PDB file of N, CA and C in Angstrom:
ATOM      1  N   MET A   1     -13.526  35.254  77.020  1.00  0.00           N
ATOM      2  CA  MET A   1     -14.107  36.580  77.032  1.00  0.00           C
ATOM      3  C   MET A   1     -13.028  37.653  77.219  1.00  0.00           C
ATOM      4  N   GLU A   2     -12.047  37.395  78.075  1.00  0.00           N
ATOM      5  CA  GLU A   2     -10.984  38.373  78.302  1.00  0.00           C
ATOM      6  C   GLU A   2     -10.173  38.621  77.037  1.00  0.00           C
ATOM      7  N   GLU A   3      -9.998  37.580  76.235  1.00  0.00           N
ATOM      8  CA  GLU A   3      -9.271  37.726  74.968  1.00  0.00           C
ATOM      9  C   GLU A   3      -9.988  38.696  74.044  1.00  0.00           C
ATOM     10  N   ILE A   4     -11.296  38.580  73.967  1.00  0.00           N
ATOM     11  CA  ILE A   4     -12.088  39.457  73.094  1.00  0.00           C
ATOM     12  C   ILE A   4     -12.006  40.899  73.585  1.00  0.00           C
ATOM     13  N   VAL A   5     -12.067  41.093  74.900  1.00  0.00           N
ATOM     14  CA  VAL A   5     -11.965  42.437  75.463  1.00  0.00           C
ATOM     15  C   VAL A   5     -10.590  43.041  75.155  1.00  0.00           C
ATOM     16  N   ALA A   6      -9.525  42.250  75.314  1.00  0.00           N
ATOM     17  CA  ALA A   6      -8.171  42.739  75.027  1.00  0.00           C
ATOM     18  C   ALA A   6      -8.030  43.107  73.551  1.00  0.00           C
ATOM     19  N   LEU A   7      -8.581  42.284  72.665  1.00  0.00           N
ATOM     20  CA  LEU A   7      -8.527  42.597  71.233  1.00  0.00           C
ATOM     21  C   LEU A   7      -9.312  43.868  70.930  1.00  0.00           C
ATOM     22  N   ALA A   8     -10.475  44.006  71.537  1.00  0.00           N
ATOM     23  CA  ALA A   8     -11.299  45.200  71.313  1.00  0.00           C
ATOM     24  C   ALA A   8     -10.572  46.455  71.799  1.00  0.00           C
ATOM     25  N   LYS A   9      -9.896  46.357  72.940  1.00  0.00           N
ATOM     26  CA  LYS A   9      -9.134  47.504  73.449  1.00  0.00           C
ATOM     27  C   LYS A   9      -8.030  47.885  72.476  1.00  0.00           C
ATOM     28  N   SER A  10      -7.420  46.899  71.845  1.00  0.00           N
ATOM     29  CA  SER A  10      -6.362  47.195  70.882  1.00  0.00           C
ATOM     30  C   SER A  10      -6.881  47.987  69.696  1.00  0.00           C
ATOM     31  N   PHE A  11      -8.109  47.760  69.318  1.00  0.00           N
ATOM     32  CA  PHE A  11      -8.690  48.466  68.182  1.00  0.00           C
ATOM     33  C   PHE A  11      -9.477  49.706  68.613  1.00  0.00           C
ATOM     34  N   SER A  12      -9.324  50.104  69.883  1.00  0.00           N
ATOM     35  CA  SER A  12     -10.070  51.270  70.368  1.00  0.00           C
ATOM     36  C   SER A  12      -9.336  52.588  70.097  1.00  0.00           C
ATOM     37  N   ASP A  13      -8.148  52.517  69.540  1.00  0.00           N
ATOM     38  CA  ASP A  13      -7.377  53.720  69.236  1.00  0.00           C
ATOM     39  C   ASP A  13      -7.253  53.872  67.726  1.00  0.00           C
ATOM     40  N   PRO A  14      -7.566  55.042  67.194  1.00  0.00           N
ATOM     41  CA  PRO A  14      -7.493  55.233  65.733  1.00  0.00           C
ATOM     42  C   PRO A  14      -6.105  54.962  65.148  1.00  0.00           C
ATOM     43  N   ASN A  15      -5.051  55.293  65.877  1.00  0.00           N
ATOM     44  CA  ASN A  15      -3.710  55.043  65.354  1.00  0.00           C
ATOM     45  C   ASN A  15      -3.409  53.549  65.269  1.00  0.00           C
ATOM     46  N   ARG A  16      -3.879  52.764  66.235  1.00  0.00           N
ATOM     47  CA  ARG A  16      -3.670  51.313  66.162  1.00  0.00           C
ATOM     48  C   ARG A  16      -4.468  50.713  65.012  1.00  0.00           C
ATOM     49  N   VAL A  17      -5.643  51.261  64.733  1.00  0.00           N
ATOM     50  CA  VAL A  17      -6.430  50.791  63.586  1.00  0.00           C
ATOM     51  C   VAL A  17      -5.670  51.094  62.292  1.00  0.00           C
ATOM     52  N   LYS A  18      -5.099  52.296  62.192  1.00  0.00           N
ATOM     53  CA  LYS A  18      -4.328  52.649  60.996  1.00  0.00           C
ATOM     54  C   LYS A  18      -3.101  51.757  60.850  1.00  0.00           C
ATOM     55  N   ILE A  19      -2.423  51.497  61.961  1.00  0.00           N
ATOM     56  CA  ILE A  19      -1.248  50.609  61.909  1.00  0.00           C
ATOM     57  C   ILE A  19      -1.653  49.219  61.442  1.00  0.00           C
ATOM     58  N   ALA A  20      -2.740  48.696  61.995  1.00  0.00           N
ATOM     59  CA  ALA A  20      -3.212  47.365  61.596  1.00  0.00           C
ATOM     60  C   ALA A  20      -3.595  47.345  60.120  1.00  0.00           C
ATOM     61  N   ALA A  21      -4.251  48.394  59.654  1.00  0.00           N
ATOM     62  CA  ALA A  21      -4.635  48.463  58.240  1.00  0.00           C
ATOM     63  C   ALA A  21      -3.397  48.524  57.351  1.00  0.00           C
ATOM     64  N   LEU A  22      -2.397  49.297  57.767  1.00  0.00           N
ATOM     65  CA  LEU A  22      -1.155  49.363  56.999  1.00  0.00           C
ATOM     66  C   LEU A  22      -0.473  48.004  56.949  1.00  0.00           C
ATOM     67  N   LEU A  23      -0.455  47.297  58.072  1.00  0.00           N
ATOM     68  CA  LEU A  23       0.149  45.968  58.106  1.00  0.00           C
ATOM     69  C   LEU A  23      -0.645  44.968  57.283  1.00  0.00           C
ATOM     70  N   GLN A  24      -1.941  45.180  57.179  1.00  0.00           N
ATOM     71  CA  GLN A  24      -2.749  44.299  56.330  1.00  0.00           C
ATOM     72  C   GLN A  24      -2.447  44.574  54.863  1.00  0.00           C
ATOM     73  N   ARG A  25      -2.257  45.835  54.512  1.00  0.00           N
ATOM     74  CA  ARG A  25      -2.008  46.205  53.121  1.00  0.00           C
ATOM     75  C   ARG A  25      -0.599  45.844  52.663  1.00  0.00           C
ATOM     76  N   GLU A  26       0.381  46.044  53.532  1.00  0.00           N
ATOM     77  CA  GLU A  26       1.777  45.819  53.175  1.00  0.00           C
ATOM     78  C   GLU A  26       2.248  44.489  53.743  1.00  0.00           C
ATOM     79  N   GLU A  27       3.214  43.902  53.112  1.00  0.00           N
ATOM     80  CA  GLU A  27       3.753  42.604  53.521  1.00  0.00           C
ATOM     81  C   GLU A  27       5.020  42.817  54.344  1.00  0.00           C
ATOM     82  N   GLY A  28       4.874  43.080  55.631  1.00  0.00           N
ATOM     83  CA  GLY A  28       6.026  43.309  56.503  1.00  0.00           C
ATOM     84  C   GLY A  28       6.526  44.739  56.411  1.00  0.00           C
ATOM     85  N   VAL A  29       6.500  45.441  57.521  1.00  0.00           N
ATOM     86  CA  VAL A  29       6.834  46.855  57.541  1.00  0.00           C
ATOM     87  C   VAL A  29       7.724  47.132  58.751  1.00  0.00           C
ATOM     88  N   CYS A  30       8.739  47.980  58.570  1.00  0.00           N
ATOM     89  CA  CYS A  30       9.575  48.373  59.707  1.00  0.00           C
ATOM     90  C   CYS A  30       8.965  49.603  60.385  1.00  0.00           C
ATOM     91  N   VAL A  31       9.414  49.882  61.589  1.00  0.00           N
ATOM     92  CA  VAL A  31       8.852  50.989  62.377  1.00  0.00           C
ATOM     93  C   VAL A  31       8.984  52.324  61.652  1.00  0.00           C
ATOM     94  N   CYS A  32      10.132  52.561  61.028  1.00  0.00           N
ATOM     95  CA  CYS A  32      10.324  53.859  60.364  1.00  0.00           C
ATOM     96  C   CYS A  32       9.311  54.051  59.233  1.00  0.00           C
ATOM     97  N   GLU A  33       8.942  52.971  58.553  1.00  0.00           N
ATOM     98  CA  GLU A  33       7.943  53.083  57.486  1.00  0.00           C
ATOM     99  C   GLU A  33       6.567  53.399  58.055  1.00  0.00           C
ATOM    100  N   ILE A  34       6.238  52.796  59.191  1.00  0.00           N
ATOM    101  CA  ILE A  34       4.953  53.098  59.838  1.00  0.00           C
ATOM    102  C   ILE A  34       4.938  54.567  60.258  1.00  0.00           C
ATOM    103  N   CYS A  35       6.022  55.014  60.899  1.00  0.00           N
ATOM    104  CA  CYS A  35       6.121  56.403  61.365  1.00  0.00           C
ATOM    105  C   CYS A  35       5.984  57.381  60.204  1.00  0.00           C
ATOM    106  N   ASP A  36       6.758  57.159  59.150  1.00  0.00           N
ATOM    107  CA  ASP A  36       6.765  58.083  58.018  1.00  0.00           C
ATOM    108  C   ASP A  36       5.453  58.053  57.241  1.00  0.00           C
ATOM    109  N   THR A  37       4.893  56.883  57.057  1.00  0.00           N
ATOM    110  CA  THR A  37       3.651  56.756  56.289  1.00  0.00           C
ATOM    111  C   THR A  37       2.475  57.387  57.019  1.00  0.00           C
ATOM    112  N   LEU A  38       2.393  57.156  58.323  1.00  0.00           N
ATOM    113  CA  LEU A  38       1.239  57.639  59.089  1.00  0.00           C
ATOM    114  C   LEU A  38       1.521  58.957  59.816  1.00  0.00           C
ATOM    115  N   SER A  39       2.718  59.506  59.632  1.00  0.00           N
ATOM    116  CA  SER A  39       3.119  60.761  60.294  1.00  0.00           C
ATOM    117  C   SER A  39       2.938  60.685  61.813  1.00  0.00           C
ATOM    118  N   LEU A  40       3.470  59.619  62.387  1.00  0.00           N
ATOM    119  CA  LEU A  40       3.417  59.408  63.833  1.00  0.00           C
ATOM    120  C   LEU A  40       4.844  59.322  64.369  1.00  0.00           C
ATOM    121  N   SER A  41       5.023  59.684  65.621  1.00  0.00           N
ATOM    122  CA  SER A  41       6.365  59.630  66.217  1.00  0.00           C
ATOM    123  C   SER A  41       6.771  58.185  66.484  1.00  0.00           C
ATOM    124  N   GLN A  42       8.083  57.952  66.490  1.00  0.00           N
ATOM    125  CA  GLN A  42       8.594  56.605  66.732  1.00  0.00           C
ATOM    126  C   GLN A  42       8.207  56.080  68.116  1.00  0.00           C
ATOM    127  N   PRO A  43       8.313  56.886  69.199  1.00  0.00           N
ATOM    128  CA  PRO A  43       7.901  56.360  70.509  1.00  0.00           C
ATOM    129  C   PRO A  43       6.417  55.964  70.548  1.00  0.00           C
ATOM    130  N   LEU A  44       5.573  56.757  69.891  1.00  0.00           N
ATOM    131  CA  LEU A  44       4.145  56.438  69.863  1.00  0.00           C
ATOM    132  C   LEU A  44       3.894  55.137  69.113  1.00  0.00           C
ATOM    133  N   VAL A  45       4.502  54.987  67.946  1.00  0.00           N
ATOM    134  CA  VAL A  45       4.326  53.765  67.153  1.00  0.00           C
ATOM    135  C   VAL A  45       4.846  52.557  67.919  1.00  0.00           C
ATOM    136  N   SER A  46       6.002  52.688  68.539  1.00  0.00           N
ATOM    137  CA  SER A  46       6.557  51.571  69.308  1.00  0.00           C
ATOM    138  C   SER A  46       5.637  51.169  70.454  1.00  0.00           C
ATOM    139  N   ARG A  47       5.073  52.149  71.123  1.00  0.00           N
ATOM    140  CA  ARG A  47       4.143  51.857  72.214  1.00  0.00           C
ATOM    141  C   ARG A  47       2.899  51.115  71.698  1.00  0.00           C
ATOM    142  N   HIS A  48       2.358  51.576  70.579  1.00  0.00           N
ATOM    143  CA  HIS A  48       1.197  50.903  69.992  1.00  0.00           C
ATOM    144  C   HIS A  48       1.547  49.482  69.555  1.00  0.00           C
ATOM    145  N   LEU A  49       2.687  49.315  68.909  1.00  0.00           N
ATOM    146  CA  LEU A  49       3.102  47.980  68.452  1.00  0.00           C
ATOM    147  C   LEU A  49       3.310  47.035  69.632  1.00  0.00           C
ATOM    148  N   LYS A  50       3.854  47.542  70.719  1.00  0.00           N
ATOM    149  CA  LYS A  50       4.047  46.710  71.913  1.00  0.00           C
ATOM    150  C   LYS A  50       2.710  46.199  72.432  1.00  0.00           C
ATOM    151  N   GLN A  51       1.738  47.090  72.520  1.00  0.00           N
ATOM    152  CA  GLN A  51       0.414  46.671  72.995  1.00  0.00           C
ATOM    153  C   GLN A  51      -0.211  45.668  72.027  1.00  0.00           C
ATOM    154  N   MET A  52      -0.063  45.895  70.744  1.00  0.00           N
ATOM    155  CA  MET A  52      -0.650  45.000  69.749  1.00  0.00           C
ATOM    156  C   MET A  52       0.044  43.635  69.765  1.00  0.00           C
ATOM    157  N   ARG A  53       1.339  43.619  70.032  1.00  0.00           N
ATOM    158  CA  ARG A  53       2.071  42.344  70.154  1.00  0.00           C
ATOM    159  C   ARG A  53       1.620  41.580  71.391  1.00  0.00           C
ATOM    160  N   GLN A  54       1.384  42.298  72.494  1.00  0.00           N
ATOM    161  CA  GLN A  54       0.998  41.650  73.744  1.00  0.00           C
ATOM    162  C   GLN A  54      -0.312  40.886  73.618  1.00  0.00           C
ATOM    163  N   VAL A  55      -1.232  41.380  72.802  1.00  0.00           N
ATOM    164  CA  VAL A  55      -2.497  40.673  72.622  1.00  0.00           C
ATOM    165  C   VAL A  55      -2.479  39.743  71.422  1.00  0.00           C
ATOM    166  N   GLY A  56      -1.362  39.740  70.685  1.00  0.00           N
ATOM    167  CA  GLY A  56      -1.211  38.780  69.590  1.00  0.00           C
ATOM    168  C   GLY A  56      -1.730  39.231  68.246  1.00  0.00           C
ATOM    169  N   ILE A  57      -1.970  40.518  68.072  1.00  0.00           N
ATOM    170  CA  ILE A  57      -2.438  41.022  66.778  1.00  0.00           C
ATOM    171  C   ILE A  57      -1.283  41.155  65.802  1.00  0.00           C
ATOM    172  N   VAL A  58      -0.120  41.510  66.336  1.00  0.00           N
ATOM    173  CA  VAL A  58       1.050  41.801  65.520  1.00  0.00           C
ATOM    174  C   VAL A  58       2.189  40.852  65.886  1.00  0.00           C
ATOM    175  N   THR A  59       2.930  40.441  64.885  1.00  0.00           N
ATOM    176  CA  THR A  59       4.154  39.677  65.122  1.00  0.00           C
ATOM    177  C   THR A  59       5.337  40.511  64.653  1.00  0.00           C
ATOM    178  N   ALA A  60       6.494  40.185  65.177  1.00  0.00           N
ATOM    179  CA  ALA A  60       7.715  40.889  64.787  1.00  0.00           C
ATOM    180  C   ALA A  60       8.812  39.864  64.590  1.00  0.00           C
ATOM    181  N   GLU A  61       9.609  40.073  63.570  1.00  0.00           N
ATOM    182  CA  GLU A  61      10.760  39.200  63.346  1.00  0.00           C
ATOM    183  C   GLU A  61      11.913  40.037  62.813  1.00  0.00           C
ATOM    184  N   HIS A  62      13.097  39.572  63.106  1.00  0.00           N
ATOM    185  CA  HIS A  62      14.296  40.272  62.637  1.00  0.00           C
ATOM    186  C   HIS A  62      14.544  39.959  61.167  1.00  0.00           C
ATOM    187  N   SER A  63      14.900  40.984  60.436  1.00  0.00           N
ATOM    188  CA  SER A  63      15.344  40.847  59.056  1.00  0.00           C
ATOM    189  C   SER A  63      16.635  41.651  58.972  1.00  0.00           C
ATOM    190  N   GLY A  64      17.755  40.965  59.166  1.00  0.00           N
ATOM    191  CA  GLY A  64      19.026  41.667  59.286  1.00  0.00           C
ATOM    192  C   GLY A  64      19.016  42.468  60.572  1.00  0.00           C
ATOM    193  N   LYS A  65      19.290  43.753  60.479  1.00  0.00           N
ATOM    194  CA  LYS A  65      19.262  44.593  61.679  1.00  0.00           C
ATOM    195  C   LYS A  65      17.889  45.226  61.916  1.00  0.00           C
ATOM    196  N   TRP A  66      16.931  44.909  61.074  1.00  0.00           N
ATOM    197  CA  TRP A  66      15.608  45.512  61.141  1.00  0.00           C
ATOM    198  C   TRP A  66      14.611  44.602  61.840  1.00  0.00           C
ATOM    199  N   MET A  67      13.651  45.209  62.524  1.00  0.00           N
ATOM    200  CA  MET A  67      12.520  44.484  63.087  1.00  0.00           C
ATOM    201  C   MET A  67      11.346  44.733  62.145  1.00  0.00           C
ATOM    202  N   VAL A  68      10.789  43.660  61.618  1.00  0.00           N
ATOM    203  CA  VAL A  68       9.715  43.755  60.636  1.00  0.00           C
ATOM    204  C   VAL A  68       8.408  43.282  61.281  1.00  0.00           C
ATOM    205  N   TYR A  69       7.373  44.103  61.157  1.00  0.00           N
ATOM    206  CA  TYR A  69       6.086  43.835  61.791  1.00  0.00           C
ATOM    207  C   TYR A  69       5.067  43.391  60.745  1.00  0.00           C
ATOM    208  N   SER A  70       4.224  42.432  61.160  1.00  0.00           N
ATOM    209  CA  SER A  70       3.161  41.911  60.306  1.00  0.00           C
ATOM    210  C   SER A  70       1.948  41.615  61.167  1.00  0.00           C
ATOM    211  N   LEU A  71       0.802  41.485  60.523  1.00  0.00           N
ATOM    212  CA  LEU A  71      -0.377  41.024  61.253  1.00  0.00           C
ATOM    213  C   LEU A  71      -0.203  39.549  61.563  1.00  0.00           C
ATOM    214  N   SER A  72      -0.648  39.164  62.720  1.00  0.00           N
ATOM    215  CA  SER A  72      -0.503  37.794  63.185  1.00  0.00           C
ATOM    216  C   SER A  72      -1.622  36.903  62.652  1.00  0.00           C
ATOM    217  N   ASP A  73      -1.337  35.627  62.551  1.00  0.00           N
ATOM    218  CA  ASP A  73      -2.381  34.651  62.221  1.00  0.00           C
ATOM    219  C   ASP A  73      -3.065  34.134  63.482  1.00  0.00           C
ATOM    220  N   ALA A  74      -2.538  34.501  64.651  1.00  0.00           N
ATOM    221  CA  ALA A  74      -3.170  34.105  65.914  1.00  0.00           C
ATOM    222  C   ALA A  74      -4.552  34.756  65.987  1.00  0.00           C
ATOM    223  N   HIS A  75      -5.415  34.167  66.713  1.00  0.00           N
ATOM    224  CA  HIS A  75      -6.788  34.689  66.866  1.00  0.00           C
ATOM    225  C   HIS A  75      -7.480  34.793  65.513  1.00  0.00           C
ATOM    226  N   LYS A  76      -7.127  33.920  64.595  1.00  0.00           N
ATOM    227  CA  LYS A  76      -7.612  34.016  63.213  1.00  0.00           C
ATOM    228  C   LYS A  76      -9.128  34.179  63.130  1.00  0.00           C
ATOM    229  N   GLU A  77      -9.844  33.322  63.843  1.00  0.00           N
ATOM    230  CA  GLU A  77     -11.307  33.392  63.800  1.00  0.00           C
ATOM    231  C   GLU A  77     -11.817  34.688  64.405  1.00  0.00           C
ATOM    232  N   THR A  78     -11.262  35.055  65.557  1.00  0.00           N
ATOM    233  CA  THR A  78     -11.720  36.253  66.252  1.00  0.00           C
ATOM    234  C   THR A  78     -11.404  37.504  65.450  1.00  0.00           C
ATOM    235  N   LEU A  79     -10.240  37.526  64.817  1.00  0.00           N
ATOM    236  CA  LEU A  79      -9.828  38.716  64.081  1.00  0.00           C
ATOM    237  C   LEU A  79     -10.401  38.808  62.673  1.00  0.00           C
ATOM    238  N   SER A  80     -11.057  37.772  62.205  1.00  0.00           N
ATOM    239  CA  SER A  80     -11.539  37.800  60.823  1.00  0.00           C
ATOM    240  C   SER A  80     -12.497  38.970  60.579  1.00  0.00           C
ATOM    241  N   CYS A  81     -13.371  39.267  61.539  1.00  0.00           N
ATOM    242  CA  CYS A  81     -14.292  40.398  61.354  1.00  0.00           C
ATOM    243  C   CYS A  81     -13.527  41.724  61.397  1.00  0.00           C
ATOM    244  N   TRP A  82     -12.491  41.822  62.241  1.00  0.00           N
ATOM    245  CA  TRP A  82     -11.675  43.037  62.299  1.00  0.00           C
ATOM    246  C   TRP A  82     -10.927  43.218  60.983  1.00  0.00           C
ATOM    247  N   LYS A  83     -10.396  42.130  60.439  1.00  0.00           N
ATOM    248  CA  LYS A  83      -9.648  42.230  59.178  1.00  0.00           C
ATOM    249  C   LYS A  83     -10.557  42.689  58.044  1.00  0.00           C
ATOM    250  N   ARG A  84     -11.788  42.210  58.041  1.00  0.00           N
ATOM    251  CA  ARG A  84     -12.737  42.677  57.019  1.00  0.00           C
ATOM    252  C   ARG A  84     -13.019  44.165  57.218  1.00  0.00           C
ATOM    253  N   ALA A  85     -13.152  44.587  58.463  1.00  0.00           N
ATOM    254  CA  ALA A  85     -13.407  45.999  58.751  1.00  0.00           C
ATOM    255  C   ALA A  85     -12.219  46.864  58.349  1.00  0.00           C
ATOM    256  N   LEU A  86     -11.000  46.348  58.494  1.00  0.00           N
ATOM    257  CA  LEU A  86      -9.811  47.104  58.113  1.00  0.00           C
ATOM    258  C   LEU A  86      -9.776  47.403  56.620  1.00  0.00           C
ATOM    259  N   GLU A  87     -10.410  46.558  55.823  1.00  0.00           N
ATOM    260  CA  GLU A  87     -10.430  46.772  54.373  1.00  0.00           C
ATOM    261  C   GLU A  87     -11.023  48.137  54.028  1.00  0.00           C
ATOM    262  N   SER A  88     -11.936  48.643  54.861  1.00  0.00           N
ATOM    263  CA  SER A  88     -12.522  49.957  54.588  1.00  0.00           C
ATOM    264  C   SER A  88     -11.553  51.086  54.939  1.00  0.00           C
ATOM    265  N   VAL A  89     -10.571  50.806  55.777  1.00  0.00           N
ATOM    266  CA  VAL A  89      -9.586  51.815  56.170  1.00  0.00           C
ATOM    267  C   VAL A  89      -8.432  51.868  55.169  1.00  0.00           C
ATOM    268  N   VAL A  90      -8.081  50.740  54.592  1.00  0.00           N
ATOM    269  CA  VAL A  90      -6.920  50.642  53.695  1.00  0.00           C
ATOM    270  C   VAL A  90      -6.933  51.699  52.585  1.00  0.00           C
ATOM    271  N   PRO A  91      -8.043  51.931  51.882  1.00  0.00           N
ATOM    272  CA  PRO A  91      -8.008  52.935  50.805  1.00  0.00           C
ATOM    273  C   PRO A  91      -7.752  54.360  51.299  1.00  0.00           C
ATOM    274  N   LYS A  92      -7.979  54.614  52.572  1.00  0.00           N
ATOM    275  CA  LYS A  92      -7.784  55.954  53.126  1.00  0.00           C
ATOM    276  C   LYS A  92      -6.340  56.202  53.561  1.00  0.00           C
ATOM    277  N   LEU A  93      -5.521  55.167  53.547  1.00  0.00           N
ATOM    278  CA  LEU A  93      -4.126  55.305  53.966  1.00  0.00           C
ATOM    279  C   LEU A  93      -3.288  55.949  52.867  1.00  0.00           C
ATOM    280  N   PRO A  94      -2.288  56.725  53.263  1.00  0.00           N
ATOM    281  CA  PRO A  94      -1.375  57.267  52.251  1.00  0.00           C
ATOM    282  C   PRO A  94      -0.492  56.152  51.703  1.00  0.00           C
ATOM    283  N   PRO A  95       0.161  56.387  50.568  1.00  0.00           N
ATOM    284  CA  PRO A  95       1.101  55.394  50.040  1.00  0.00           C
ATOM    285  C   PRO A  95       2.227  55.165  51.041  1.00  0.00           C
ATOM    286  N   LEU A  96       2.784  53.974  51.011  1.00  0.00           N
ATOM    287  CA  LEU A  96       3.871  53.628  51.901  1.00  0.00           C
ATOM    288  C   LEU A  96       5.082  54.518  51.635  1.00  0.00           C
ATOM    289  N   VAL A  97       5.608  55.108  52.696  1.00  0.00           N
ATOM    290  CA  VAL A  97       6.862  55.842  52.611  1.00  0.00           C
ATOM    291  C   VAL A  97       7.936  54.825  52.976  1.00  0.00           C
ATOM    292  N   ALA A  98       8.562  54.268  51.965  1.00  0.00           N
ATOM    293  CA  ALA A  98       9.516  53.175  52.165  1.00  0.00           C
ATOM    294  C   ALA A  98      10.814  53.693  52.759  1.00  0.00           C
ATOM    295  N   CYS A  99      11.331  52.939  53.686  1.00  0.00           N
ATOM    296  CA  CYS A  99      12.617  53.236  54.310  1.00  0.00           C
ATOM    297  C   CYS A  99      13.698  52.731  53.356  1.00  0.00           C
ATOM    298  N   SER A 100      14.436  53.662  52.757  1.00  0.00           N
ATOM    299  CA  SER A 100      15.423  53.260  51.750  1.00  0.00           C
ATOM    300  C   SER A 100      16.515  52.375  52.347  1.00  0.00           C
ATOM    301  N   SER A 101      16.856  52.598  53.601  1.00  0.00           N
ATOM    302  CA  SER A 101      17.887  51.755  54.241  1.00  0.00           C
ATOM    303  C   SER A 101      17.379  50.335  54.398  1.00  0.00           C
ATOM    304  N   TYR A 102      16.143  50.199  54.867  1.00  0.00           N
ATOM    305  CA  TYR A 102      15.577  48.859  55.087  1.00  0.00           C
ATOM    306  C   TYR A 102      15.267  48.176  53.748  1.00  0.00           C
ATOM    307  N   ARG A 103      14.593  48.846  52.875  1.00  0.00           N
ATOM    308  CA  ARG A 103      14.194  48.240  51.591  1.00  0.00           C
ATOM    309  C   ARG A 103      15.395  47.950  50.721  1.00  0.00           C
ATOM    310  N   GLY A 104      16.492  48.632  50.934  1.00  0.00           N
ATOM    311  CA  GLY A 104      17.686  48.427  50.125  1.00  0.00           C
ATOM    312  C   GLY A 104      18.515  47.246  50.565  1.00  0.00           C
ATOM    313  N   GLU A 105      18.113  46.545  51.647  1.00  0.00           N
ATOM    314  CA  GLU A 105      18.899  45.427  52.167  1.00  0.00           C
ATOM    315  C   GLU A 105      18.473  44.081  51.593  1.00  0.00           C
ATOM    316  N   GLY A 106      18.253  44.013  50.320  1.00  0.00           N
ATOM    317  CA  GLY A 106      17.998  42.726  49.671  1.00  0.00           C
ATOM    318  C   GLY A 106      16.603  42.182  49.857  1.00  0.00           C
ATOM    319  N   ARG A 107      15.651  43.044  50.112  1.00  0.00           N
ATOM    320  CA  ARG A 107      14.280  42.566  50.270  1.00  0.00           C
ATOM    321  C   ARG A 107      13.660  42.228  48.976  1.00  0.00           C
TER     322      ARG A 107
END
């Protein structure tokens, strides 16, 4: 039950919902792309990503000097309804503002 409450709290903020939808739409995104695409500050995005990582919604891995964020496969069953709900948010997102430094590193 506590897991479900923690997941629900993660989706209680509109910016975290937008971040999750962006991560669902895109295949691995760096912080600068999230900031630029959603017009959010880097400290705010980092704080949201930290909370989302703590409950297992988001994973992060290094790609060269970059940290790349993706939606996690953890909580697959529990998150399946959230992922379906995110599909309604995806069309409302702006196009990805790609980080030329990150995308230019052999991706």
